[in-house]
Amino acid sequence: MMNGDTDKDNYARSLARETGITEGQARLLIDLLGMHRPSLLREARLLKKGELGKGNPP
């Protein structure tokens, strides 16, 4: 495995632990947004919030 992949995997695990999304979702966000942590945190939290809100009336 290349070092960049390892760094990305570690970053994805860290993002997943911090925000509650899956590692797969974290990797997808990293692919889409790059390694810009503020953007990743914002989008991960929005993603998680959307998951939690499914099936619950407003």
C-alpha atoms as a PDB file:
ATOM      1  CA  MET A   1       0.000   0.000   0.000  1.00  0.00           C
ATOM      2  CA  MET A   2       1.300   3.455  -0.832  1.00  0.00           C
ATOM      3  CA  ASN A   3       1.992   5.935   1.944  1.00  0.00           C
ATOM      4  CA  GLY A   4      -0.671   8.305   0.602  1.00  0.00           C
ATOM      5  CA  ASP A   5      -3.270   5.563   0.906  1.00  0.00           C
ATOM      6  CA  THR A   6      -2.199   4.881   4.481  1.00  0.00           C
ATOM      7  CA  ASP A   7      -2.428   8.576   5.339  1.00  0.00           C
ATOM      8  CA  LYS A   8      -5.867   8.767   3.738  1.00  0.00           C
ATOM      9  CA  ASP A   9      -7.035   5.661   5.613  1.00  0.00           C
ATOM     10  CA  ASN A  10      -5.777   7.062   8.920  1.00  0.00           C
ATOM     11  CA  TYR A  11      -7.457  10.391   8.200  1.00  0.00           C
ATOM     12  CA  ALA A  12     -10.707   8.611   7.282  1.00  0.00           C
ATOM     13  CA  ARG A  13     -10.627   6.599  10.522  1.00  0.00           C
ATOM     14  CA  SER A  14     -10.010   9.754  12.532  1.00  0.00           C
ATOM     15  CA  LEU A  15     -12.825  11.621  10.796  1.00  0.00           C
ATOM     16  CA  ALA A  16     -15.199   8.694  11.291  1.00  0.00           C
ATOM     17  CA  ARG A  17     -14.388   8.435  15.009  1.00  0.00           C
ATOM     18  CA  GLU A  18     -14.759  12.167  15.541  1.00  0.00           C
ATOM     19  CA  THR A  19     -18.034  12.606  13.668  1.00  0.00           C
ATOM     20  CA  GLY A  20     -19.798   9.234  13.881  1.00  0.00           C
ATOM     21  CA  ILE A  21     -19.939   8.542  10.140  1.00  0.00           C
ATOM     22  CA  THR A  22     -18.596   5.304   8.670  1.00  0.00           C
ATOM     23  CA  GLU A  23     -15.034   4.994   7.389  1.00  0.00           C
ATOM     24  CA  GLY A  24     -16.436   4.441   3.907  1.00  0.00           C
ATOM     25  CA  GLN A  25     -18.387   7.685   4.098  1.00  0.00           C
ATOM     26  CA  ALA A  26     -15.284   9.440   5.393  1.00  0.00           C
ATOM     27  CA  ARG A  27     -13.195   8.124   2.469  1.00  0.00           C
ATOM     28  CA  LEU A  28     -15.837   9.291   0.012  1.00  0.00           C
ATOM     29  CA  LEU A  29     -15.835  12.787   1.534  1.00  0.00           C
ATOM     30  CA  ILE A  30     -12.035  12.883   1.365  1.00  0.00           C
ATOM     31  CA  ASP A  31     -12.186  11.861  -2.312  1.00  0.00           C
ATOM     32  CA  LEU A  32     -14.704  14.631  -2.997  1.00  0.00           C
ATOM     33  CA  LEU A  33     -13.270  17.420  -0.832  1.00  0.00           C
ATOM     34  CA  GLY A  34      -9.601  16.599  -0.384  1.00  0.00           C
ATOM     35  CA  MET A  35      -7.908  16.801   2.996  1.00  0.00           C
ATOM     36  CA  HIS A  36      -9.392  20.171   4.018  1.00  0.00           C
ATOM     37  CA  ARG A  37     -10.394  19.361   7.594  1.00  0.00           C
ATOM     38  CA  PRO A  38     -12.921  22.184   8.188  1.00  0.00           C
ATOM     39  CA  SER A  39     -14.866  21.200   5.062  1.00  0.00           C
ATOM     40  CA  LEU A  40     -14.694  17.505   5.929  1.00  0.00           C
ATOM     41  CA  LEU A  41     -15.951  18.112   9.460  1.00  0.00           C
ATOM     42  CA  ARG A  42     -18.797  20.297   8.231  1.00  0.00           C
ATOM     43  CA  GLU A  43     -19.943  17.802   5.606  1.00  0.00           C
ATOM     44  CA  ALA A  44     -19.517  14.788   7.893  1.00  0.00           C
ATOM     45  CA  ARG A  45     -21.652  16.415  10.571  1.00  0.00           C
ATOM     46  CA  LEU A  46     -24.324  17.297   8.036  1.00  0.00           C
ATOM     47  CA  LEU A  47     -24.250  13.735   6.739  1.00  0.00           C
ATOM     48  CA  LYS A  48     -24.575  12.320  10.238  1.00  0.00           C
ATOM     49  CA  LYS A  49     -27.362  14.739  11.131  1.00  0.00           C
ATOM     50  CA  GLY A  50     -29.281  13.635   8.048  1.00  0.00           C
ATOM     51  CA  GLU A  51     -28.896   9.991   9.039  1.00  0.00           C
ATOM     52  CA  LEU A  52     -30.159  10.639  12.532  1.00  0.00           C
ATOM     53  CA  GLY A  53     -33.150  12.580  11.256  1.00  0.00           C
ATOM     54  CA  LYS A  54     -34.450   9.829   8.937  1.00  0.00           C
ATOM     55  CA  GLY A  55     -37.879   8.668   9.950  1.00  0.00           C
ATOM     56  CA  ASN A  56     -38.275  11.265  12.684  1.00  0.00           C
ATOM     57  CA  PRO A  57     -40.954  13.923  12.173  1.00  0.00           C
ATOM     58  CA  PRO A  58     -39.733  17.530  12.342  1.00  0.00           C
END
